Amino acid sequence: MSLVRELLADEVVLELACRGLPILSSSPVVEAASELGDFHAALYLEAGPGVLDAQRLRLMRDIDMLAAAAAPDPRLGARTNTESFGALVDQIASCCAIAFRAPRSRVGACEVDDALAQLRWLGGEYSDLIDEVATGICRLPPLAHSRVGILGIRLLTCRMP
């Protein structure tokens, strides 16, 4: 099993974490997904985003840094994916918030149906991206700079195509 597949949760576990359900996992991606789900749910329960946006962006970046550190070198000529793992997890968390956690007084049935359809599609995209990155046929979008990552080590996150 590749490091990418080991570190990134499968789409079912990821969705359950985004829904706010308790998941027994030591994966930092699952923990970040759970927090992203909480932040998106809070947007429907509280007055506005405020500090949540900065924390949400930090979690997305942490997921992206972990994925970049775990990803093998892509094959020569590999295409660059347009979205990062962090962005996909954030979208999954947003759809879970609408479909499963938002008060029905704040979202309509049509919005819930749309979120469920989007969630099914995003789960497949997430799973496909794990497979494509793990096999080297796809490269992750470049990250702008290096910083101390969630693993407590300095990671070089600028992967140029």
C-alpha atoms as a PDB file:
ATOM      1  CA  MET A   1       0.000   0.000   0.000  1.00  0.00           C
ATOM      2  CA  SER A   2       1.382   3.413  -0.926  1.00  0.00           C
ATOM      3  CA  LEU A   3       1.954   6.185   1.588  1.00  0.00           C
ATOM      4  CA  VAL A   4      -0.738   8.283  -0.106  1.00  0.00           C
ATOM      5  CA  ARG A   5      -3.327   5.546   0.395  1.00  0.00           C
ATOM      6  CA  GLU A   6      -2.205   5.000   4.002  1.00  0.00           C
ATOM      7  CA  LEU A   7      -2.381   8.663   5.017  1.00  0.00           C
ATOM      8  CA  LEU A   8      -5.531   9.715   3.155  1.00  0.00           C
ATOM      9  CA  ALA A   9      -8.759   8.148   4.377  1.00  0.00           C
ATOM     10  CA  ASP A  10     -11.128   6.459   1.959  1.00  0.00           C
ATOM     11  CA  GLU A  11     -14.194   8.429   0.885  1.00  0.00           C
ATOM     12  CA  VAL A  12     -16.607   6.598   3.218  1.00  0.00           C
ATOM     13  CA  VAL A  13     -14.597   7.319   6.376  1.00  0.00           C
ATOM     14  CA  LEU A  14     -14.010  10.875   5.171  1.00  0.00           C
ATOM     15  CA  GLU A  15     -17.744  11.492   4.663  1.00  0.00           C
ATOM     16  CA  LEU A  16     -18.601  10.072   8.089  1.00  0.00           C
ATOM     17  CA  ALA A  17     -16.039  12.383   9.690  1.00  0.00           C
ATOM     18  CA  CYS A  18     -17.429  15.383   7.793  1.00  0.00           C
ATOM     19  CA  ARG A  19     -20.919  14.463   8.990  1.00  0.00           C
ATOM     20  CA  GLY A  20     -19.730  14.818  12.559  1.00  0.00           C
ATOM     21  CA  LEU A  21     -19.995  11.136  13.406  1.00  0.00           C
ATOM     22  CA  PRO A  22     -17.369   9.721  15.783  1.00  0.00           C
ATOM     23  CA  ILE A  23     -14.592   7.958  13.881  1.00  0.00           C
ATOM     24  CA  LEU A  24     -11.837   5.952  15.518  1.00  0.00           C
ATOM     25  CA  SER A  25      -8.863   6.974  13.429  1.00  0.00           C
ATOM     26  CA  SER A  26      -5.374   8.293  14.020  1.00  0.00           C
ATOM     27  CA  SER A  27      -5.335   9.922  10.577  1.00  0.00           C
ATOM     28  CA  PRO A  28      -4.687  13.673  10.644  1.00  0.00           C
ATOM     29  CA  VAL A  29      -6.754  13.918   7.447  1.00  0.00           C
ATOM     30  CA  VAL A  30      -9.788  12.383   9.184  1.00  0.00           C
ATOM     31  CA  GLU A  31      -9.311  14.758  12.125  1.00  0.00           C
ATOM     32  CA  ALA A  32      -9.057  17.766   9.784  1.00  0.00           C
ATOM     33  CA  ALA A  33     -12.101  16.569   7.804  1.00  0.00           C
ATOM     34  CA  SER A  34     -14.095  16.319  11.035  1.00  0.00           C
ATOM     35  CA  GLU A  35     -13.102  19.869  11.988  1.00  0.00           C
ATOM     36  CA  LEU A  36     -13.962  21.143   8.491  1.00  0.00           C
ATOM     37  CA  GLY A  37     -17.378  19.508   8.843  1.00  0.00           C
ATOM     38  CA  ASP A  38     -17.841  21.263  12.186  1.00  0.00           C
ATOM     39  CA  PHE A  39     -16.890  24.620  10.661  1.00  0.00           C
ATOM     40  CA  HIS A  40     -19.285  24.259   7.757  1.00  0.00           C
ATOM     41  CA  ALA A  41     -22.072  23.151  10.107  1.00  0.00           C
ATOM     42  CA  ALA A  42     -21.346  26.190  12.305  1.00  0.00           C
ATOM     43  CA  LEU A  43     -21.961  28.463   9.329  1.00  0.00           C
ATOM     44  CA  TYR A  44     -25.585  27.290   9.376  1.00  0.00           C
ATOM     45  CA  LEU A  45     -25.914  27.536  13.136  1.00  0.00           C
ATOM     46  CA  GLU A  46     -24.170  30.859  13.792  1.00  0.00           C
ATOM     47  CA  ALA A  47     -24.463  34.366  12.447  1.00  0.00           C
ATOM     48  CA  GLY A  48     -21.479  34.342  10.117  1.00  0.00           C
ATOM     49  CA  PRO A  49     -18.070  32.949   9.191  1.00  0.00           C
ATOM     50  CA  GLY A  50     -15.777  35.271  11.226  1.00  0.00           C
ATOM     51  CA  VAL A  51     -12.715  33.387  12.454  1.00  0.00           C
ATOM     52  CA  LEU A  52     -13.921  30.134  10.937  1.00  0.00           C
ATOM     53  CA  ASP A  53     -12.625  30.989   7.463  1.00  0.00           C
ATOM     54  CA  ALA A  54      -9.028  31.351   8.655  1.00  0.00           C
ATOM     55  CA  GLN A  55      -9.222  28.041  10.530  1.00  0.00           C
ATOM     56  CA  ARG A  56     -10.880  26.382   7.542  1.00  0.00           C
ATOM     57  CA  LEU A  57      -8.089  27.545   5.220  1.00  0.00           C
ATOM     58  CA  ARG A  58      -5.470  26.304   7.722  1.00  0.00           C
ATOM     59  CA  LEU A  59      -7.074  22.848   7.771  1.00  0.00           C
ATOM     60  CA  MET A  60      -7.227  22.715   3.968  1.00  0.00           C
ATOM     61  CA  ARG A  61      -3.555  23.700   3.788  1.00  0.00           C
ATOM     62  CA  ASP A  62      -2.620  21.072   6.396  1.00  0.00           C
ATOM     63  CA  ILE A  63      -4.339  18.376   4.333  1.00  0.00           C
ATOM     64  CA  ASP A  64      -2.581  19.622   1.190  1.00  0.00           C
ATOM     65  CA  MET A  65       0.809  19.590   2.906  1.00  0.00           C
ATOM     66  CA  LEU A  66       0.287  16.061   4.202  1.00  0.00           C
ATOM     67  CA  ALA A  67      -0.767  14.874   0.742  1.00  0.00           C
ATOM     68  CA  ALA A  68       2.215  16.611  -0.884  1.00  0.00           C
ATOM     69  CA  ALA A  69       4.611  15.033   1.610  1.00  0.00           C
ATOM     70  CA  ALA A  70       3.129  11.566   1.051  1.00  0.00           C
ATOM     71  CA  ALA A  71       2.797  11.718  -2.726  1.00  0.00           C
ATOM     72  CA  PRO A  72       5.383   9.886  -4.807  1.00  0.00           C
ATOM     73  CA  ASP A  73       7.116  11.731  -7.607  1.00  0.00           C
ATOM     74  CA  PRO A  74       4.721  11.887 -10.537  1.00  0.00           C
ATOM     75  CA  ARG A  75       5.537  10.241 -13.843  1.00  0.00           C
ATOM     76  CA  LEU A  76       7.048  12.297 -16.605  1.00  0.00           C
ATOM     77  CA  GLY A  77       4.236  14.105 -18.397  1.00  0.00           C
ATOM     78  CA  ALA A  78       1.710  13.561 -15.590  1.00  0.00           C
ATOM     79  CA  ARG A  79      -1.158  15.996 -15.718  1.00  0.00           C
ATOM     80  CA  THR A  80      -1.619  18.469 -12.869  1.00  0.00           C
ATOM     81  CA  ASN A  81      -4.933  18.099 -11.086  1.00  0.00           C
ATOM     82  CA  THR A  82      -6.939  21.307 -10.842  1.00  0.00           C
ATOM     83  CA  GLU A  83      -7.996  20.760  -7.230  1.00  0.00           C
ATOM     84  CA  SER A  84      -6.041  19.778  -4.168  1.00  0.00           C
ATOM     85  CA  PHE A  85      -7.021  17.209  -1.550  1.00  0.00           C
ATOM     86  CA  GLY A  86      -7.713  20.025   0.913  1.00  0.00           C
ATOM     87  CA  ALA A  87     -10.132  21.683  -1.500  1.00  0.00           C
ATOM     88  CA  LEU A  88     -11.949  18.394  -2.151  1.00  0.00           C
ATOM     89  CA  VAL A  89     -12.245  17.612   1.565  1.00  0.00           C
ATOM     90  CA  ASP A  90     -13.566  21.134   2.156  1.00  0.00           C
ATOM     91  CA  GLN A  91     -16.226  20.653  -0.538  1.00  0.00           C
ATOM     92  CA  ILE A  92     -17.194  17.275   0.939  1.00  0.00           C
ATOM     93  CA  ALA A  93     -17.493  18.898   4.377  1.00  0.00           C
ATOM     94  CA  SER A  94     -19.659  21.666   2.932  1.00  0.00           C
ATOM     95  CA  CYS A  95     -22.011  19.178   1.264  1.00  0.00           C
ATOM     96  CA  CYS A  96     -22.217  17.115   4.462  1.00  0.00           C
ATOM     97  CA  ALA A  97     -23.097  20.253   6.437  1.00  0.00           C
ATOM     98  CA  ILE A  98     -25.969  21.018   4.079  1.00  0.00           C
ATOM     99  CA  ALA A  99     -27.207  17.443   3.740  1.00  0.00           C
ATOM    100  CA  PHE A 100     -26.841  16.177   7.303  1.00  0.00           C
ATOM    101  CA  ARG A 101     -26.101  18.929   9.814  1.00  0.00           C
ATOM    102  CA  ALA A 102     -27.844  22.158   8.819  1.00  0.00           C
ATOM    103  CA  PRO A 103     -31.197  22.951  10.425  1.00  0.00           C
ATOM    104  CA  ARG A 104     -33.983  22.311   7.908  1.00  0.00           C
ATOM    105  CA  SER A 105     -35.236  25.834   8.562  1.00  0.00           C
ATOM    106  CA  ARG A 106     -32.038  27.147   6.931  1.00  0.00           C
ATOM    107  CA  VAL A 107     -31.847  24.811   3.898  1.00  0.00           C
ATOM    108  CA  GLY A 108     -34.563  23.518   1.611  1.00  0.00           C
ATOM    109  CA  ALA A 109     -35.204  20.010   0.327  1.00  0.00           C
ATOM    110  CA  CYS A 110     -33.853  20.954  -3.100  1.00  0.00           C
ATOM    111  CA  GLU A 111     -30.564  22.137  -1.544  1.00  0.00           C
ATOM    112  CA  VAL A 112     -30.283  18.890   0.413  1.00  0.00           C
ATOM    113  CA  ASP A 113     -30.896  16.821  -2.740  1.00  0.00           C
ATOM    114  CA  ASP A 114     -28.277  18.841  -4.632  1.00  0.00           C
ATOM    115  CA  ALA A 115     -25.775  18.423  -1.785  1.00  0.00           C
ATOM    116  CA  LEU A 116     -26.339  14.652  -1.706  1.00  0.00           C
ATOM    117  CA  ALA A 117     -25.803  14.385  -5.466  1.00  0.00           C
ATOM    118  CA  GLN A 118     -22.682  16.543  -5.249  1.00  0.00           C
ATOM    119  CA  LEU A 119     -21.433  14.460  -2.319  1.00  0.00           C
ATOM    120  CA  ARG A 120     -21.652  11.237  -4.335  1.00  0.00           C
ATOM    121  CA  TRP A 121     -19.717  12.829  -7.183  1.00  0.00           C
ATOM    122  CA  LEU A 122     -17.076  14.375  -4.888  1.00  0.00           C
ATOM    123  CA  GLY A 123     -16.518  11.039  -3.121  1.00  0.00           C
ATOM    124  CA  GLY A 124     -15.670   9.466  -6.462  1.00  0.00           C
ATOM    125  CA  GLU A 125     -13.393  12.363  -7.400  1.00  0.00           C
ATOM    126  CA  TYR A 126     -11.564  12.085  -4.080  1.00  0.00           C
ATOM    127  CA  SER A 127     -11.085   8.330  -4.464  1.00  0.00           C
ATOM    128  CA  ASP A 128      -9.910   8.727  -8.068  1.00  0.00           C
ATOM    129  CA  LEU A 129      -7.419  11.426  -7.060  1.00  0.00           C
ATOM    130  CA  ILE A 130      -5.915   9.159  -4.394  1.00  0.00           C
ATOM    131  CA  ASP A 131      -5.447   6.413  -6.997  1.00  0.00           C
ATOM    132  CA  GLU A 132      -4.024   8.769  -9.640  1.00  0.00           C
ATOM    133  CA  VAL A 133      -1.563  10.448  -7.273  1.00  0.00           C
ATOM    134  CA  ALA A 134      -0.505   7.111  -5.741  1.00  0.00           C
ATOM    135  CA  THR A 135       0.266   5.677  -9.184  1.00  0.00           C
ATOM    136  CA  GLY A 136       2.020   8.844 -10.389  1.00  0.00           C
ATOM    137  CA  ILE A 137      -0.277   9.585 -13.348  1.00  0.00           C
ATOM    138  CA  CYS A 138      -1.389  12.839 -11.748  1.00  0.00           C
ATOM    139  CA  ARG A 139       0.480  15.542  -9.861  1.00  0.00           C
ATOM    140  CA  LEU A 140      -0.978  17.765  -7.167  1.00  0.00           C
ATOM    141  CA  PRO A 141      -1.336  21.499  -7.725  1.00  0.00           C
ATOM    142  CA  PRO A 142       1.772  23.349  -6.506  1.00  0.00           C
ATOM    143  CA  LEU A 143       1.803  24.882  -3.044  1.00  0.00           C
ATOM    144  CA  ALA A 144       3.408  28.272  -2.754  1.00  0.00           C
ATOM    145  CA  HIS A 145       5.977  27.948   0.028  1.00  0.00           C
ATOM    146  CA  SER A 146       7.493  25.821   2.759  1.00  0.00           C
ATOM    147  CA  ARG A 147       6.545  26.032   6.418  1.00  0.00           C
ATOM    148  CA  VAL A 148       6.419  23.794   9.443  1.00  0.00           C
ATOM    149  CA  GLY A 149       3.727  21.273   8.639  1.00  0.00           C
ATOM    150  CA  ILE A 150       1.273  19.284  10.685  1.00  0.00           C
ATOM    151  CA  LEU A 151       3.811  16.518  11.144  1.00  0.00           C
ATOM    152  CA  GLY A 152       6.097  18.920  13.041  1.00  0.00           C
ATOM    153  CA  ILE A 153       8.783  18.867  10.344  1.00  0.00           C
ATOM    154  CA  ARG A 154       9.679  21.395   7.736  1.00  0.00           C
ATOM    155  CA  LEU A 155       8.166  20.325   4.453  1.00  0.00           C
ATOM    156  CA  LEU A 156       9.082  21.632   1.042  1.00  0.00           C
ATOM    157  CA  THR A 157       5.659  22.102  -0.437  1.00  0.00           C
ATOM    158  CA  CYS A 158       6.522  23.755  -3.699  1.00  0.00           C
ATOM    159  CA  ARG A 159       6.163  20.983  -6.254  1.00  0.00           C
ATOM    160  CA  MET A 160       6.711  22.492  -9.639  1.00  0.00           C
ATOM    161  CA  PRO A 161       5.333  20.690 -12.689  1.00  0.00           C
END
